[in-house]
Amino acid sequence: MLFAALADYSNPHLLEETCAAGQLRRLECAWAIEQAIVATYQVQNEVSAVSDRLILLQDKICQDALTVINRCESHDELDFLFPEIIRIKNHDLAVLDSWQNHVDWMQSLPSSELKLLSSADFNSLDTHNSTINLAEPPEQLIYESLAEKSHFYSLRDQLLFLFEPELRREYEFYISEQAGITGYKTLVTSNLQQASDLTVGNLYYYFKIRDESKDETELVSAN
């Protein structure tokens, strides 16, 4: 039943016909189903299968996030997606990574220690927390702060940097190359590596627009 539901939510034809925000919601449902499948393996004590599927799920979430970000085409979509994807990166993936680390640790234990763990009573721990936090989510506050200092394409690319570090390195190289041409001697790669994603994204588009304007001017002059 779970695999049938997963196939429905992961249907590429339905995803292709859905906007970026709707696509993210369908994919989140698919990820939740994947986690339920992993839990069924854990109940059966299939520890290797649990670890393998968690690795695959984390990779899938990263690839799906890149697909959604690249599909984002408007400020309205970005207003919704940016905080959501930041939370997926900083919270959801961190939880899955912790789960996988725990499973891998369990695999490394000798059978005697596993028996002790299985007989331990963890129900006595008080994990109840009735506090309801009505404050604005931190991811939303981060986005609002960044949106005041940046623009659509830079913000979208800052999301891409989270899942595609190589893209940021390409941007750093381009900025350094253009900075050398225009005399900005401090914008070398070593300094850019220490800069925030916001700075790298904004500088990239500053030089890109400048470079394109120069090309257009030279084309008009040649004609």
C-alpha atoms as a PDB file:
ATOM      1  CA  MET A   1       0.000   0.000   0.000  1.00  0.00           C
ATOM      2  CA  LEU A   2       2.811   2.383   0.889  1.00  0.00           C
ATOM      3  CA  PHE A   3       4.683   1.704  -2.340  1.00  0.00           C
ATOM      4  CA  ALA A   4       1.487   2.274  -4.353  1.00  0.00           C
ATOM      5  CA  ALA A   5       0.927   5.620  -2.598  1.00  0.00           C
ATOM      6  CA  LEU A   6       4.561   6.556  -3.180  1.00  0.00           C
ATOM      7  CA  ALA A   7       4.203   5.863  -6.899  1.00  0.00           C
ATOM      8  CA  ASP A   8       1.155   8.164  -7.041  1.00  0.00           C
ATOM      9  CA  TYR A   9       2.847  11.075  -5.290  1.00  0.00           C
ATOM     10  CA  SER A  10       6.069  10.619  -7.279  1.00  0.00           C
ATOM     11  CA  ASN A  11       4.311  10.381 -10.637  1.00  0.00           C
ATOM     12  CA  PRO A  12       6.553  12.452 -12.947  1.00  0.00           C
ATOM     13  CA  HIS A  13       3.670  13.405 -15.254  1.00  0.00           C
ATOM     14  CA  LEU A  14       1.675  14.912 -12.375  1.00  0.00           C
ATOM     15  CA  LEU A  15       4.750  16.664 -10.976  1.00  0.00           C
ATOM     16  CA  GLU A  16       5.564  18.166 -14.365  1.00  0.00           C
ATOM     17  CA  GLU A  17       2.114  19.741 -14.569  1.00  0.00           C
ATOM     18  CA  THR A  18       2.364  21.282 -11.088  1.00  0.00           C
ATOM     19  CA  CYS A  19       3.837  24.658 -10.122  1.00  0.00           C
ATOM     20  CA  ALA A  20       6.945  24.774  -7.917  1.00  0.00           C
ATOM     21  CA  ALA A  21       4.989  25.255  -4.676  1.00  0.00           C
ATOM     22  CA  GLY A  22       2.545  22.446  -5.483  1.00  0.00           C
ATOM     23  CA  GLN A  23       5.422  20.243  -6.570  1.00  0.00           C
ATOM     24  CA  LEU A  24       7.132  20.739  -3.217  1.00  0.00           C
ATOM     25  CA  ARG A  25       3.986  19.730  -1.337  1.00  0.00           C
ATOM     26  CA  ARG A  26       3.583  16.531  -3.394  1.00  0.00           C
ATOM     27  CA  LEU A  27       7.246  15.685  -2.900  1.00  0.00           C
ATOM     28  CA  GLU A  28       6.983  16.271   0.851  1.00  0.00           C
ATOM     29  CA  CYS A  29       4.164  13.710   0.918  1.00  0.00           C
ATOM     30  CA  ALA A  30       6.382  11.288  -1.022  1.00  0.00           C
ATOM     31  CA  TRP A  31       9.232  11.833   1.466  1.00  0.00           C
ATOM     32  CA  ALA A  32       6.868  11.162   4.383  1.00  0.00           C
ATOM     33  CA  ILE A  33       5.755   7.909   2.744  1.00  0.00           C
ATOM     34  CA  GLU A  34       9.410   6.960   2.219  1.00  0.00           C
ATOM     35  CA  GLN A  35      10.011   7.514   5.940  1.00  0.00           C
ATOM     36  CA  ALA A  36       7.036   5.297   6.778  1.00  0.00           C
ATOM     37  CA  ILE A  37       8.530   2.568   4.578  1.00  0.00           C
ATOM     38  CA  VAL A  38      11.864   2.940   6.388  1.00  0.00           C
ATOM     39  CA  ALA A  39      10.037   2.632   9.717  1.00  0.00           C
ATOM     40  CA  THR A  40       8.492  -0.678   8.619  1.00  0.00           C
ATOM     41  CA  TYR A  41      11.992  -2.046   7.941  1.00  0.00           C
ATOM     42  CA  GLN A  42      13.116  -0.809  11.352  1.00  0.00           C
ATOM     43  CA  VAL A  43      10.221  -2.592  13.082  1.00  0.00           C
ATOM     44  CA  GLN A  44      11.366  -5.787  11.331  1.00  0.00           C
ATOM     45  CA  ASN A  45      14.916  -5.099  12.583  1.00  0.00           C
ATOM     46  CA  GLU A  46      16.242  -4.895   9.009  1.00  0.00           C
ATOM     47  CA  VAL A  47      18.951  -2.458  10.083  1.00  0.00           C
ATOM     48  CA  SER A  48      20.984  -2.541   6.863  1.00  0.00           C
ATOM     49  CA  ALA A  49      17.890  -1.817   4.793  1.00  0.00           C
ATOM     50  CA  VAL A  50      17.011   1.090   7.096  1.00  0.00           C
ATOM     51  CA  SER A  51      20.461   2.653   6.698  1.00  0.00           C
ATOM     52  CA  ASP A  52      20.512   2.188   2.923  1.00  0.00           C
ATOM     53  CA  ARG A  53      17.044   3.658   2.438  1.00  0.00           C
ATOM     54  CA  LEU A  54      17.831   6.638   4.665  1.00  0.00           C
ATOM     55  CA  ILE A  55      20.906   7.418   2.573  1.00  0.00           C
ATOM     56  CA  LEU A  56      18.842   7.199  -0.615  1.00  0.00           C
ATOM     57  CA  LEU A  57      16.073   9.346   0.881  1.00  0.00           C
ATOM     58  CA  GLN A  58      18.471  12.118   1.875  1.00  0.00           C
ATOM     59  CA  ASP A  59      19.966  12.131  -1.623  1.00  0.00           C
ATOM     60  CA  LYS A  60      16.483  12.179  -3.153  1.00  0.00           C
ATOM     61  CA  ILE A  61      15.387  15.122  -1.020  1.00  0.00           C
ATOM     62  CA  CYS A  62      18.437  17.115  -2.131  1.00  0.00           C
ATOM     63  CA  GLN A  63      17.810  16.340  -5.811  1.00  0.00           C
ATOM     64  CA  ASP A  64      14.090  17.074  -5.498  1.00  0.00           C
ATOM     65  CA  ALA A  65      14.857  20.383  -3.794  1.00  0.00           C
ATOM     66  CA  LEU A  66      17.115  21.400  -6.692  1.00  0.00           C
ATOM     67  CA  THR A  67      14.345  20.532  -9.155  1.00  0.00           C
ATOM     68  CA  VAL A  68      11.810  22.637  -7.264  1.00  0.00           C
ATOM     69  CA  ILE A  69      14.161  25.620  -6.898  1.00  0.00           C
ATOM     70  CA  ASN A  70      15.011  25.602 -10.597  1.00  0.00           C
ATOM     71  CA  ARG A  71      11.292  25.528 -11.375  1.00  0.00           C
ATOM     72  CA  CYS A  72      10.614  28.658  -9.279  1.00  0.00           C
ATOM     73  CA  GLU A  73       9.685  31.488 -11.640  1.00  0.00           C
ATOM     74  CA  SER A  74       8.116  34.262  -9.572  1.00  0.00           C
ATOM     75  CA  HIS A  75       8.509  36.296  -6.377  1.00  0.00           C
ATOM     76  CA  ASP A  76       5.274  34.806  -5.009  1.00  0.00           C
ATOM     77  CA  GLU A  77       6.629  31.280  -5.385  1.00  0.00           C
ATOM     78  CA  LEU A  78       9.959  32.284  -3.878  1.00  0.00           C
ATOM     79  CA  ASP A  79       8.209  33.899  -0.880  1.00  0.00           C
ATOM     80  CA  PHE A  80       6.688  30.493  -0.150  1.00  0.00           C
ATOM     81  CA  LEU A  81       9.588  28.236  -1.138  1.00  0.00           C
ATOM     82  CA  PHE A  82      12.555  29.983   0.490  1.00  0.00           C
ATOM     83  CA  PRO A  83      11.563  29.500   4.165  1.00  0.00           C
ATOM     84  CA  GLU A  84      10.206  26.021   3.431  1.00  0.00           C
ATOM     85  CA  ILE A  85      13.384  24.806   1.760  1.00  0.00           C
ATOM     86  CA  ILE A  86      15.625  26.391   4.395  1.00  0.00           C
ATOM     87  CA  ARG A  87      13.718  24.376   7.008  1.00  0.00           C
ATOM     88  CA  ILE A  88      14.018  21.195   4.951  1.00  0.00           C
ATOM     89  CA  LYS A  89      17.774  21.699   4.731  1.00  0.00           C
ATOM     90  CA  ASN A  90      18.407  22.734   8.343  1.00  0.00           C
ATOM     91  CA  HIS A  91      15.775  20.634  10.122  1.00  0.00           C
ATOM     92  CA  ASP A  92      14.332  17.731   8.130  1.00  0.00           C
ATOM     93  CA  LEU A  93      17.613  16.557   6.608  1.00  0.00           C
ATOM     94  CA  ALA A  94      19.332  16.961   9.981  1.00  0.00           C
ATOM     95  CA  VAL A  95      16.717  14.685  11.599  1.00  0.00           C
ATOM     96  CA  LEU A  96      17.183  12.041   8.898  1.00  0.00           C
ATOM     97  CA  ASP A  97      20.965  12.257   9.271  1.00  0.00           C
ATOM     98  CA  SER A  98      20.635  11.786  13.035  1.00  0.00           C
ATOM     99  CA  TRP A  99      18.347   8.785  12.456  1.00  0.00           C
ATOM    100  CA  GLN A 100      20.851   7.229  10.084  1.00  0.00           C
ATOM    101  CA  ASN A 101      23.761   7.854  12.488  1.00  0.00           C
ATOM    102  CA  HIS A 102      21.769   6.155  15.255  1.00  0.00           C
ATOM    103  CA  VAL A 103      21.033   3.144  13.041  1.00  0.00           C
ATOM    104  CA  ASP A 104      24.673   2.875  11.987  1.00  0.00           C
ATOM    105  CA  TRP A 105      25.712   3.072  15.648  1.00  0.00           C
ATOM    106  CA  MET A 106      23.264   0.285  16.503  1.00  0.00           C
ATOM    107  CA  GLN A 107      24.822  -1.846  13.767  1.00  0.00           C
ATOM    108  CA  SER A 108      28.252  -1.407  15.342  1.00  0.00           C
ATOM    109  CA  LEU A 109      27.181  -2.672  18.796  1.00  0.00           C
ATOM    110  CA  PRO A 110      27.850  -6.242  19.937  1.00  0.00           C
ATOM    111  CA  SER A 111      24.808  -8.462  20.509  1.00  0.00           C
ATOM    112  CA  SER A 112      25.188  -8.268  24.304  1.00  0.00           C
ATOM    113  CA  GLU A 113      24.761  -4.482  24.292  1.00  0.00           C
ATOM    114  CA  LEU A 114      21.859  -4.708  21.860  1.00  0.00           C
ATOM    115  CA  LYS A 115      20.064  -7.004  24.325  1.00  0.00           C
ATOM    116  CA  LEU A 116      20.581  -4.466  27.108  1.00  0.00           C
ATOM    117  CA  LEU A 117      19.157  -1.717  24.935  1.00  0.00           C
ATOM    118  CA  SER A 118      16.144  -3.787  23.954  1.00  0.00           C
ATOM    119  CA  SER A 119      15.310  -4.429  27.620  1.00  0.00           C
ATOM    120  CA  ALA A 120      15.733  -0.797  28.704  1.00  0.00           C
ATOM    121  CA  ASP A 121      12.623   1.175  29.633  1.00  0.00           C
ATOM    122  CA  PHE A 122      12.646   4.537  27.900  1.00  0.00           C
ATOM    123  CA  ASN A 123       8.941   5.183  28.515  1.00  0.00           C
ATOM    124  CA  SER A 124       9.717   6.651  31.930  1.00  0.00           C
ATOM    125  CA  LEU A 125      11.424   9.637  30.341  1.00  0.00           C
ATOM    126  CA  ASP A 126       9.276  12.751  30.422  1.00  0.00           C
ATOM    127  CA  THR A 127       9.254  13.992  26.853  1.00  0.00           C
ATOM    128  CA  HIS A 128       5.934  15.850  27.086  1.00  0.00           C
ATOM    129  CA  ASN A 129       6.151  19.465  26.056  1.00  0.00           C
ATOM    130  CA  SER A 130       2.943  21.478  26.082  1.00  0.00           C
ATOM    131  CA  THR A 131       4.551  24.761  25.080  1.00  0.00           C
ATOM    132  CA  ILE A 132       3.159  26.171  21.837  1.00  0.00           C
ATOM    133  CA  ASN A 133       5.453  28.582  20.045  1.00  0.00           C
ATOM    134  CA  LEU A 134       3.437  31.135  18.104  1.00  0.00           C
ATOM    135  CA  ALA A 135       6.441  33.239  17.108  1.00  0.00           C
ATOM    136  CA  GLU A 136       7.228  33.712  13.445  1.00  0.00           C
ATOM    137  CA  PRO A 137       9.428  30.828  12.214  1.00  0.00           C
ATOM    138  CA  PRO A 138      13.145  31.711  12.151  1.00  0.00           C
ATOM    139  CA  GLU A 139      13.346  30.640   8.492  1.00  0.00           C
ATOM    140  CA  GLN A 140      10.762  33.294   7.615  1.00  0.00           C
ATOM    141  CA  LEU A 141      12.720  35.957   9.491  1.00  0.00           C
ATOM    142  CA  ILE A 142      15.906  34.940   7.673  1.00  0.00           C
ATOM    143  CA  TYR A 143      14.161  35.226   4.321  1.00  0.00           C
ATOM    144  CA  GLU A 144      12.648  38.610   5.112  1.00  0.00           C
ATOM    145  CA  SER A 145      16.075  39.913   6.111  1.00  0.00           C
ATOM    146  CA  LEU A 146      17.743  38.581   2.952  1.00  0.00           C
ATOM    147  CA  ALA A 147      14.941  39.817   0.692  1.00  0.00           C
ATOM    148  CA  GLU A 148      15.629  43.389   1.811  1.00  0.00           C
ATOM    149  CA  LYS A 149      19.230  43.130   0.603  1.00  0.00           C
ATOM    150  CA  SER A 150      18.902  41.037  -2.532  1.00  0.00           C
ATOM    151  CA  HIS A 151      16.708  40.269  -5.554  1.00  0.00           C
ATOM    152  CA  PHE A 152      14.845  37.318  -7.065  1.00  0.00           C
ATOM    153  CA  TYR A 153      17.613  35.626  -9.062  1.00  0.00           C
ATOM    154  CA  SER A 154      20.247  36.049  -6.366  1.00  0.00           C
ATOM    155  CA  LEU A 155      17.886  34.718  -3.685  1.00  0.00           C
ATOM    156  CA  ARG A 156      16.944  31.734  -5.810  1.00  0.00           C
ATOM    157  CA  ASP A 157      20.596  30.925  -6.418  1.00  0.00           C
ATOM    158  CA  GLN A 158      21.337  31.227  -2.700  1.00  0.00           C
ATOM    159  CA  LEU A 159      18.905  28.345  -2.229  1.00  0.00           C
ATOM    160  CA  LEU A 160      20.712  26.370  -4.924  1.00  0.00           C
ATOM    161  CA  PHE A 161      24.016  26.884  -3.088  1.00  0.00           C
ATOM    162  CA  LEU A 162      22.614  24.888  -0.146  1.00  0.00           C
ATOM    163  CA  PHE A 163      22.314  21.740  -2.257  1.00  0.00           C
ATOM    164  CA  GLU A 164      24.853  22.433  -5.005  1.00  0.00           C
ATOM    165  CA  PRO A 165      28.108  23.806  -3.485  1.00  0.00           C
ATOM    166  CA  GLU A 166      29.863  23.423  -6.844  1.00  0.00           C
ATOM    167  CA  LEU A 167      27.599  26.133  -8.285  1.00  0.00           C
ATOM    168  CA  ARG A 168      28.800  28.556  -5.624  1.00  0.00           C
ATOM    169  CA  ARG A 169      32.415  27.767  -6.507  1.00  0.00           C
ATOM    170  CA  GLU A 170      31.637  28.529 -10.158  1.00  0.00           C
ATOM    171  CA  TYR A 171      30.181  31.877  -9.095  1.00  0.00           C
ATOM    172  CA  GLU A 172      33.233  32.636  -6.964  1.00  0.00           C
ATOM    173  CA  PHE A 173      35.509  31.958  -9.936  1.00  0.00           C
ATOM    174  CA  TYR A 174      33.434  34.196 -12.227  1.00  0.00           C
ATOM    175  CA  ILE A 175      33.407  37.048  -9.678  1.00  0.00           C
ATOM    176  CA  SER A 176      37.160  36.765  -9.134  1.00  0.00           C
ATOM    177  CA  GLU A 177      37.772  36.755 -12.891  1.00  0.00           C
ATOM    178  CA  GLN A 178      35.571  39.810 -13.499  1.00  0.00           C
ATOM    179  CA  ALA A 179      36.966  41.605 -10.450  1.00  0.00           C
ATOM    180  CA  GLY A 180      40.488  41.181 -11.823  1.00  0.00           C
ATOM    181  CA  ILE A 181      39.420  42.761 -15.111  1.00  0.00           C
ATOM    182  CA  THR A 182      37.734  45.719 -13.435  1.00  0.00           C
ATOM    183  CA  GLY A 183      40.358  46.343 -10.730  1.00  0.00           C
ATOM    184  CA  TYR A 184      38.573  45.060  -7.606  1.00  0.00           C
ATOM    185  CA  LYS A 185      41.709  43.483  -6.151  1.00  0.00           C
ATOM    186  CA  THR A 186      40.150  42.311  -2.869  1.00  0.00           C
ATOM    187  CA  LEU A 187      37.624  40.040  -4.584  1.00  0.00           C
ATOM    188  CA  VAL A 188      39.969  37.092  -4.911  1.00  0.00           C
ATOM    189  CA  THR A 189      38.788  33.510  -4.508  1.00  0.00           C
ATOM    190  CA  SER A 190      40.267  33.114  -1.006  1.00  0.00           C
ATOM    191  CA  ASN A 191      38.234  36.094   0.248  1.00  0.00           C
ATOM    192  CA  LEU A 192      35.097  35.022  -1.591  1.00  0.00           C
ATOM    193  CA  GLN A 193      35.236  31.606   0.072  1.00  0.00           C
ATOM    194  CA  GLN A 194      34.735  33.377   3.407  1.00  0.00           C
ATOM    195  CA  ALA A 195      31.830  35.503   2.127  1.00  0.00           C
ATOM    196  CA  SER A 196      28.162  34.762   2.759  1.00  0.00           C
ATOM    197  CA  ASP A 197      25.899  33.217   0.126  1.00  0.00           C
ATOM    198  CA  LEU A 198      24.127  36.584  -0.026  1.00  0.00           C
ATOM    199  CA  THR A 199      27.355  38.384  -0.927  1.00  0.00           C
ATOM    200  CA  VAL A 200      28.371  35.828  -3.550  1.00  0.00           C
ATOM    201  CA  GLY A 201      24.924  35.815  -5.164  1.00  0.00           C
ATOM    202  CA  ASN A 202      24.688  39.607  -5.290  1.00  0.00           C
ATOM    203  CA  LEU A 203      28.239  40.071  -6.593  1.00  0.00           C
ATOM    204  CA  TYR A 204      27.710  37.472  -9.291  1.00  0.00           C
ATOM    205  CA  TYR A 205      24.698  39.290 -10.705  1.00  0.00           C
ATOM    206  CA  TYR A 206      26.385  42.677 -10.327  1.00  0.00           C
ATOM    207  CA  PHE A 207      29.239  41.572 -12.583  1.00  0.00           C
ATOM    208  CA  LYS A 208      26.983  39.536 -14.862  1.00  0.00           C
ATOM    209  CA  ILE A 209      24.709  42.529 -15.585  1.00  0.00           C
ATOM    210  CA  ARG A 210      27.771  44.741 -15.989  1.00  0.00           C
ATOM    211  CA  ASP A 211      29.345  42.245 -18.407  1.00  0.00           C
ATOM    212  CA  GLU A 212      26.153  41.868 -20.455  1.00  0.00           C
ATOM    213  CA  SER A 213      25.716  45.666 -20.659  1.00  0.00           C
ATOM    214  CA  LYS A 214      29.278  45.978 -21.931  1.00  0.00           C
ATOM    215  CA  ASP A 215      28.659  43.331 -24.603  1.00  0.00           C
ATOM    216  CA  GLU A 216      25.491  45.099 -25.735  1.00  0.00           C
ATOM    217  CA  THR A 217      27.316  48.434 -25.934  1.00  0.00           C
ATOM    218  CA  GLU A 218      30.127  46.911 -28.009  1.00  0.00           C
ATOM    219  CA  LEU A 219      27.560  45.276 -30.315  1.00  0.00           C
ATOM    220  CA  VAL A 220      25.767  48.576 -30.875  1.00  0.00           C
ATOM    221  CA  SER A 221      29.077  50.340 -31.548  1.00  0.00           C
ATOM    222  CA  ALA A 222      30.090  47.672 -34.053  1.00  0.00           C
ATOM    223  CA  ASN A 223      26.832  48.123 -35.962  1.00  0.00           C
END
